[in-house]
N, C-alpha and C. Protein backbone atom coordinates (compact mmCIF):
# COMPACT_ATOMS: atom_id res chain seq x y z
N MET A 1 209.59 71.94 -66.97
CA MET A 1 209.37 71.83 -68.38
C MET A 1 209.32 73.24 -68.96
N LYS A 2 209.92 73.44 -70.11
CA LYS A 2 209.95 74.75 -70.78
C LYS A 2 209.13 74.70 -72.06
N THR A 3 208.33 75.73 -72.24
CA THR A 3 207.63 75.91 -73.51
C THR A 3 207.70 77.37 -73.87
N GLY A 4 208.32 77.64 -74.94
CA GLY A 4 208.45 79.01 -75.41
C GLY A 4 209.17 79.90 -74.43
N GLY A 5 210.12 79.38 -73.70
CA GLY A 5 210.89 80.19 -72.78
C GLY A 5 210.23 80.38 -71.44
N ARG A 6 209.06 79.81 -71.22
CA ARG A 6 208.39 79.95 -69.93
C ARG A 6 208.44 78.63 -69.17
N HIS A 7 208.40 78.76 -67.88
CA HIS A 7 208.33 77.57 -67.05
C HIS A 7 206.86 77.26 -66.76
N VAL A 8 206.47 76.06 -67.04
CA VAL A 8 205.10 75.65 -66.75
C VAL A 8 205.16 74.74 -65.53
N ALA A 9 204.52 75.19 -64.48
CA ALA A 9 204.52 74.40 -63.24
C ALA A 9 203.42 73.36 -63.31
N ARG A 10 203.75 72.18 -62.91
CA ARG A 10 202.74 71.12 -62.84
C ARG A 10 202.10 71.14 -61.46
N ALA A 11 200.78 71.03 -61.44
CA ALA A 11 200.07 71.01 -60.17
C ALA A 11 200.09 69.58 -59.64
N LYS A 12 200.67 69.39 -58.48
CA LYS A 12 200.70 68.09 -57.84
C LYS A 12 200.01 68.22 -56.49
N GLY A 13 198.92 67.44 -56.29
CA GLY A 13 198.22 67.48 -55.02
C GLY A 13 197.25 68.65 -54.94
N PHE A 14 196.83 68.94 -53.72
CA PHE A 14 195.86 70.00 -53.48
C PHE A 14 196.50 71.09 -52.66
N MET A 15 195.98 72.30 -52.84
CA MET A 15 196.46 73.41 -52.04
C MET A 15 195.74 73.41 -50.70
N LEU A 16 196.34 74.03 -49.71
CA LEU A 16 195.77 74.07 -48.38
C LEU A 16 194.38 74.72 -48.38
N VAL A 17 194.18 75.73 -49.18
CA VAL A 17 192.89 76.41 -49.25
C VAL A 17 191.80 75.46 -49.76
N GLU A 18 192.12 74.65 -50.75
CA GLU A 18 191.15 73.70 -51.28
C GLU A 18 190.77 72.65 -50.23
N VAL A 19 191.77 72.17 -49.50
CA VAL A 19 191.51 71.17 -48.45
C VAL A 19 190.64 71.77 -47.36
N MET A 20 190.90 72.99 -46.95
CA MET A 20 190.11 73.64 -45.91
C MET A 20 188.67 73.87 -46.37
N ALA A 21 188.49 74.24 -47.64
CA ALA A 21 187.14 74.44 -48.17
C ALA A 21 186.37 73.12 -48.20
N ALA A 22 187.02 72.04 -48.59
CA ALA A 22 186.38 70.74 -48.62
C ALA A 22 185.98 70.29 -47.21
N LEU A 23 186.87 70.51 -46.24
CA LEU A 23 186.55 70.15 -44.85
C LEU A 23 185.39 70.97 -44.31
N ALA A 24 185.34 72.25 -44.68
CA ALA A 24 184.23 73.09 -44.23
C ALA A 24 182.90 72.59 -44.81
N LEU A 25 182.88 72.22 -46.08
CA LEU A 25 181.66 71.69 -46.70
C LEU A 25 181.25 70.37 -46.06
N LEU A 26 182.21 69.50 -45.78
CA LEU A 26 181.88 68.24 -45.11
C LEU A 26 181.34 68.49 -43.71
N GLY A 27 181.91 69.44 -43.00
CA GLY A 27 181.42 69.77 -41.66
C GLY A 27 179.99 70.25 -41.68
N ILE A 28 179.65 71.08 -42.65
CA ILE A 28 178.28 71.57 -42.78
C ILE A 28 177.32 70.42 -43.11
N ALA A 29 177.74 69.53 -43.99
CA ALA A 29 176.90 68.39 -44.37
C ALA A 29 176.66 67.47 -43.17
N PHE A 30 177.71 67.17 -42.42
CA PHE A 30 177.55 66.29 -41.25
C PHE A 30 176.73 66.95 -40.16
N ALA A 31 176.85 68.26 -40.00
CA ALA A 31 176.04 68.96 -39.00
C ALA A 31 174.56 68.90 -39.38
N GLY A 32 174.27 68.93 -40.67
CA GLY A 32 172.89 68.83 -41.12
C GLY A 32 172.32 67.43 -40.93
N LEU A 33 173.17 66.41 -40.94
CA LEU A 33 172.71 65.03 -40.78
C LEU A 33 172.54 64.61 -39.33
N SER A 34 173.14 65.31 -38.39
CA SER A 34 173.08 64.89 -36.99
C SER A 34 171.66 64.84 -36.42
N PRO A 35 170.76 65.80 -36.72
CA PRO A 35 169.38 65.65 -36.22
C PRO A 35 168.70 64.39 -36.78
N LEU A 36 169.00 64.04 -38.01
CA LEU A 36 168.42 62.84 -38.61
C LEU A 36 168.89 61.59 -37.86
N VAL A 37 170.14 61.55 -37.50
CA VAL A 37 170.68 60.41 -36.76
C VAL A 37 170.01 60.30 -35.39
N ILE A 38 169.82 61.42 -34.72
CA ILE A 38 169.19 61.43 -33.39
C ILE A 38 167.76 60.93 -33.48
N VAL A 39 167.00 61.41 -34.45
CA VAL A 39 165.60 60.98 -34.60
C VAL A 39 165.54 59.50 -34.95
N THR A 40 166.45 59.03 -35.77
CA THR A 40 166.49 57.61 -36.14
C THR A 40 166.77 56.74 -34.92
N LEU A 41 167.72 57.13 -34.10
CA LEU A 41 168.04 56.36 -32.90
C LEU A 41 166.86 56.34 -31.92
N GLN A 42 166.15 57.45 -31.79
CA GLN A 42 164.98 57.49 -30.92
C GLN A 42 163.88 56.57 -31.47
N GLY A 43 163.71 56.55 -32.78
CA GLY A 43 162.72 55.67 -33.40
C GLY A 43 163.05 54.20 -33.20
N VAL A 44 164.32 53.86 -33.30
CA VAL A 44 164.75 52.48 -33.07
C VAL A 44 164.50 52.08 -31.62
N ASP A 45 164.78 52.98 -30.68
CA ASP A 45 164.54 52.68 -29.27
C ASP A 45 163.05 52.49 -28.99
N THR A 46 162.22 53.34 -29.57
CA THR A 46 160.77 53.21 -29.38
C THR A 46 160.26 51.90 -29.97
N ALA A 47 160.74 51.54 -31.14
CA ALA A 47 160.33 50.28 -31.76
C ALA A 47 160.75 49.08 -30.92
N ARG A 48 161.95 49.13 -30.35
CA ARG A 48 162.42 48.04 -29.49
C ARG A 48 161.54 47.91 -28.27
N ARG A 49 161.16 49.05 -27.68
CA ARG A 49 160.31 49.01 -26.49
C ARG A 49 158.90 48.52 -26.80
N VAL A 50 158.35 48.91 -27.95
CA VAL A 50 157.02 48.43 -28.35
C VAL A 50 157.06 46.92 -28.56
N THR A 51 158.11 46.43 -29.18
CA THR A 51 158.25 44.99 -29.39
C THR A 51 158.35 44.25 -28.07
N THR A 52 159.14 44.79 -27.15
CA THR A 52 159.29 44.16 -25.82
C THR A 52 157.96 44.15 -25.08
N ALA A 53 157.24 45.28 -25.10
CA ALA A 53 155.94 45.36 -24.43
C ALA A 53 154.95 44.38 -25.05
N SER A 54 154.97 44.23 -26.36
CA SER A 54 154.08 43.28 -27.03
C SER A 54 154.41 41.85 -26.61
N GLU A 55 155.68 41.55 -26.46
CA GLU A 55 156.09 40.21 -26.01
C GLU A 55 155.62 39.95 -24.57
N PHE A 56 155.75 40.95 -23.70
CA PHE A 56 155.28 40.79 -22.32
C PHE A 56 153.77 40.57 -22.29
N ALA A 57 153.03 41.29 -23.13
CA ALA A 57 151.57 41.12 -23.18
C ALA A 57 151.22 39.74 -23.72
N ARG A 58 151.91 39.31 -24.75
CA ARG A 58 151.65 37.98 -25.33
C ARG A 58 151.97 36.88 -24.32
N ASP A 59 153.06 37.04 -23.58
CA ASP A 59 153.41 36.05 -22.56
C ASP A 59 152.31 35.92 -21.51
N LYS A 60 151.75 37.07 -21.08
CA LYS A 60 150.69 37.03 -20.07
C LYS A 60 149.43 36.39 -20.64
N ILE A 61 149.11 36.68 -21.89
CA ILE A 61 147.94 36.05 -22.52
C ILE A 61 148.12 34.54 -22.57
N GLU A 62 149.31 34.09 -22.89
CA GLU A 62 149.57 32.64 -22.90
C GLU A 62 149.42 32.04 -21.51
N ASP A 63 149.90 32.76 -20.49
CA ASP A 63 149.72 32.28 -19.11
C ASP A 63 148.24 32.17 -18.75
N ILE A 64 147.47 33.19 -19.10
CA ILE A 64 146.04 33.22 -18.78
C ILE A 64 145.30 32.11 -19.52
N ARG A 65 145.64 31.90 -20.78
CA ARG A 65 144.97 30.86 -21.57
C ARG A 65 145.26 29.47 -21.03
N SER A 66 146.40 29.31 -20.35
CA SER A 66 146.74 27.99 -19.80
C SER A 66 145.99 27.70 -18.49
N LEU A 67 145.38 28.74 -17.89
CA LEU A 67 144.60 28.56 -16.67
C LEU A 67 143.22 27.99 -17.01
N GLY A 68 142.55 27.50 -16.01
CA GLY A 68 141.17 27.08 -16.20
C GLY A 68 140.27 28.30 -16.35
N TYR A 69 139.11 28.12 -16.95
CA TYR A 69 138.17 29.21 -17.20
C TYR A 69 137.82 29.95 -15.90
N ALA A 70 137.58 29.22 -14.84
CA ALA A 70 137.17 29.83 -13.56
C ALA A 70 138.32 30.63 -12.94
N SER A 71 139.54 30.34 -13.29
CA SER A 71 140.70 31.01 -12.69
C SER A 71 141.08 32.31 -13.39
N VAL A 72 140.39 32.64 -14.47
CA VAL A 72 140.73 33.85 -15.22
C VAL A 72 140.15 35.06 -14.51
N VAL A 73 141.04 35.85 -13.90
CA VAL A 73 140.65 37.08 -13.20
C VAL A 73 141.67 38.17 -13.54
N GLY A 74 141.34 39.40 -13.19
CA GLY A 74 142.23 40.51 -13.45
C GLY A 74 143.38 40.57 -12.47
N GLY A 75 144.37 41.39 -12.78
CA GLY A 75 145.51 41.56 -11.90
C GLY A 75 146.53 42.51 -12.53
N SER A 76 147.66 42.63 -11.87
CA SER A 76 148.73 43.48 -12.39
C SER A 76 150.06 43.04 -11.82
N ASP A 77 151.13 43.41 -12.50
CA ASP A 77 152.48 43.17 -12.02
C ASP A 77 153.45 44.09 -12.75
N THR A 78 154.69 43.99 -12.40
CA THR A 78 155.74 44.76 -13.06
C THR A 78 156.76 43.77 -13.60
N VAL A 79 157.15 43.95 -14.86
CA VAL A 79 158.15 43.08 -15.47
C VAL A 79 159.33 43.93 -15.90
N THR A 80 160.51 43.32 -15.89
CA THR A 80 161.75 44.03 -16.23
C THR A 80 162.39 43.36 -17.43
N GLU A 81 162.81 44.18 -18.36
CA GLU A 81 163.48 43.68 -19.56
C GLU A 81 164.91 43.28 -19.22
N SER A 82 165.27 42.07 -19.57
CA SER A 82 166.64 41.64 -19.31
C SER A 82 167.57 42.35 -20.29
N GLY A 83 168.74 42.67 -19.82
CA GLY A 83 169.70 43.37 -20.67
C GLY A 83 169.71 44.86 -20.44
N THR A 84 168.52 45.50 -20.52
CA THR A 84 168.46 46.95 -20.33
C THR A 84 167.98 47.33 -18.94
N GLY A 85 167.23 46.45 -18.29
CA GLY A 85 166.70 46.75 -16.97
C GLY A 85 165.49 47.66 -16.99
N ALA A 86 164.92 47.91 -18.18
CA ALA A 86 163.75 48.78 -18.28
C ALA A 86 162.53 48.09 -17.66
N SER A 87 161.73 48.86 -16.92
CA SER A 87 160.54 48.32 -16.24
C SER A 87 159.28 48.63 -17.03
N TYR A 88 158.38 47.66 -17.04
CA TYR A 88 157.09 47.79 -17.71
C TYR A 88 156.01 47.41 -16.72
N ALA A 89 154.95 48.21 -16.65
CA ALA A 89 153.79 47.89 -15.81
C ALA A 89 152.81 47.11 -16.67
N ARG A 90 152.36 45.98 -16.14
CA ARG A 90 151.46 45.11 -16.90
C ARG A 90 150.19 44.90 -16.08
N ALA A 91 149.04 45.12 -16.70
CA ALA A 91 147.74 44.92 -16.04
C ALA A 91 146.84 44.15 -16.98
N TRP A 92 145.99 43.30 -16.40
CA TRP A 92 145.05 42.54 -17.21
C TRP A 92 143.70 42.55 -16.54
N THR A 93 142.66 42.57 -17.39
CA THR A 93 141.28 42.59 -16.90
C THR A 93 140.51 41.46 -17.57
N SER A 94 139.48 41.03 -16.87
CA SER A 94 138.61 39.98 -17.39
C SER A 94 137.18 40.50 -17.35
N ALA A 95 136.51 40.42 -18.48
CA ALA A 95 135.11 40.87 -18.57
C ALA A 95 134.30 39.81 -19.30
N ALA A 96 133.00 39.97 -19.28
CA ALA A 96 132.14 39.03 -19.99
C ALA A 96 132.47 39.06 -21.48
N GLY A 97 132.53 37.90 -22.08
CA GLY A 97 132.88 37.79 -23.49
C GLY A 97 131.70 38.09 -24.39
N PRO A 98 131.92 37.97 -25.69
CA PRO A 98 130.87 38.29 -26.65
C PRO A 98 129.76 37.24 -26.71
N SER A 99 130.01 36.07 -26.18
CA SER A 99 128.97 35.03 -26.16
C SER A 99 128.99 34.36 -24.79
N ALA A 100 128.02 33.50 -24.57
CA ALA A 100 127.91 32.82 -23.27
C ALA A 100 129.13 31.95 -23.04
N ASN A 101 129.51 31.85 -21.78
CA ASN A 101 130.65 31.03 -21.36
C ASN A 101 131.99 31.45 -21.97
N THR A 102 132.14 32.73 -22.22
CA THR A 102 133.42 33.27 -22.69
C THR A 102 133.79 34.48 -21.85
N LYS A 103 135.08 34.75 -21.78
CA LYS A 103 135.59 35.95 -21.10
C LYS A 103 136.50 36.69 -22.06
N LEU A 104 136.37 38.02 -22.05
CA LEU A 104 137.24 38.87 -22.84
C LEU A 104 138.36 39.35 -21.93
N VAL A 105 139.58 38.97 -22.24
CA VAL A 105 140.74 39.33 -21.42
C VAL A 105 141.54 40.39 -22.18
N THR A 106 141.83 41.50 -21.50
CA THR A 106 142.64 42.57 -22.07
C THR A 106 143.90 42.71 -21.24
N VAL A 107 145.05 42.64 -21.90
CA VAL A 107 146.35 42.82 -21.24
C VAL A 107 146.93 44.13 -21.75
N THR A 108 147.26 45.03 -20.81
CA THR A 108 147.83 46.33 -21.15
C THR A 108 149.21 46.45 -20.52
N VAL A 109 150.20 46.76 -21.34
CA VAL A 109 151.57 46.97 -20.87
C VAL A 109 151.92 48.43 -21.13
N SER A 110 152.41 49.11 -20.08
CA SER A 110 152.75 50.52 -20.23
C SER A 110 154.14 50.80 -19.69
N TRP A 111 154.74 51.84 -20.20
CA TRP A 111 156.06 52.28 -19.77
C TRP A 111 156.21 53.76 -20.09
N THR A 112 157.18 54.38 -19.48
CA THR A 112 157.44 55.79 -19.72
C THR A 112 158.88 55.97 -20.19
N ALA A 113 159.02 56.53 -21.37
CA ALA A 113 160.32 56.89 -21.92
C ALA A 113 160.10 58.24 -22.59
N ARG A 114 160.39 59.28 -21.88
CA ARG A 114 160.11 60.67 -22.27
C ARG A 114 158.61 60.96 -22.21
N ILE A 115 157.78 60.08 -22.74
CA ILE A 115 156.32 60.21 -22.62
C ILE A 115 155.76 58.82 -22.31
N ALA A 116 154.51 58.77 -21.91
CA ALA A 116 153.87 57.48 -21.57
C ALA A 116 153.47 56.74 -22.84
N HIS A 117 153.72 55.44 -22.84
CA HIS A 117 153.38 54.57 -23.97
C HIS A 117 152.56 53.39 -23.45
N THR A 118 151.70 52.85 -24.30
CA THR A 118 150.86 51.72 -23.92
C THR A 118 150.69 50.77 -25.10
N VAL A 119 150.72 49.48 -24.80
CA VAL A 119 150.41 48.44 -25.79
C VAL A 119 149.33 47.57 -25.16
N SER A 120 148.25 47.27 -25.90
CA SER A 120 147.17 46.44 -25.40
C SER A 120 146.89 45.29 -26.36
N LEU A 121 146.67 44.11 -25.79
CA LEU A 121 146.26 42.93 -26.57
C LEU A 121 145.02 42.33 -25.91
N GLN A 122 144.15 41.75 -26.73
CA GLN A 122 142.93 41.11 -26.21
C GLN A 122 142.84 39.68 -26.70
N THR A 123 142.17 38.87 -25.91
CA THR A 123 141.88 37.51 -26.30
C THR A 123 140.56 37.08 -25.67
N ILE A 124 139.99 36.04 -26.21
CA ILE A 124 138.74 35.49 -25.66
C ILE A 124 139.06 34.10 -25.13
N VAL A 125 138.66 33.87 -23.88
CA VAL A 125 138.86 32.57 -23.25
C VAL A 125 137.50 31.92 -23.12
N ALA A 126 137.39 30.68 -23.63
CA ALA A 126 136.13 29.94 -23.57
C ALA A 126 136.18 28.90 -22.47
N GLN A 127 134.99 28.55 -21.99
CA GLN A 127 134.89 27.54 -20.92
C GLN A 127 135.06 26.17 -21.49
């Protein structure tokens, strides 16, 4: 196109320098987000493990509650999560309850994933 004897060039698309600058800015932004993604994934894994440990503790409490009062005693075992194969140590204790003819049962599930974790649930079993 001519205007006043000059050629006016139309800009079509982007120049290589602009594309490289945009890629550099995106690279910096994504590098800044990577620690956030790592922390989020670790938090999700910890939450999944706490939920699994709580389920194992609840299952044991249900087993204990289905026993007779005289059969409620302490013990321990190891349970494995299906799918991941993660192992959890489970221990339960029986102590005198808050009133006559009751027992206070505490179930503790523990595991180690970078650091030691523990989940505990309690219930009262009556005669």
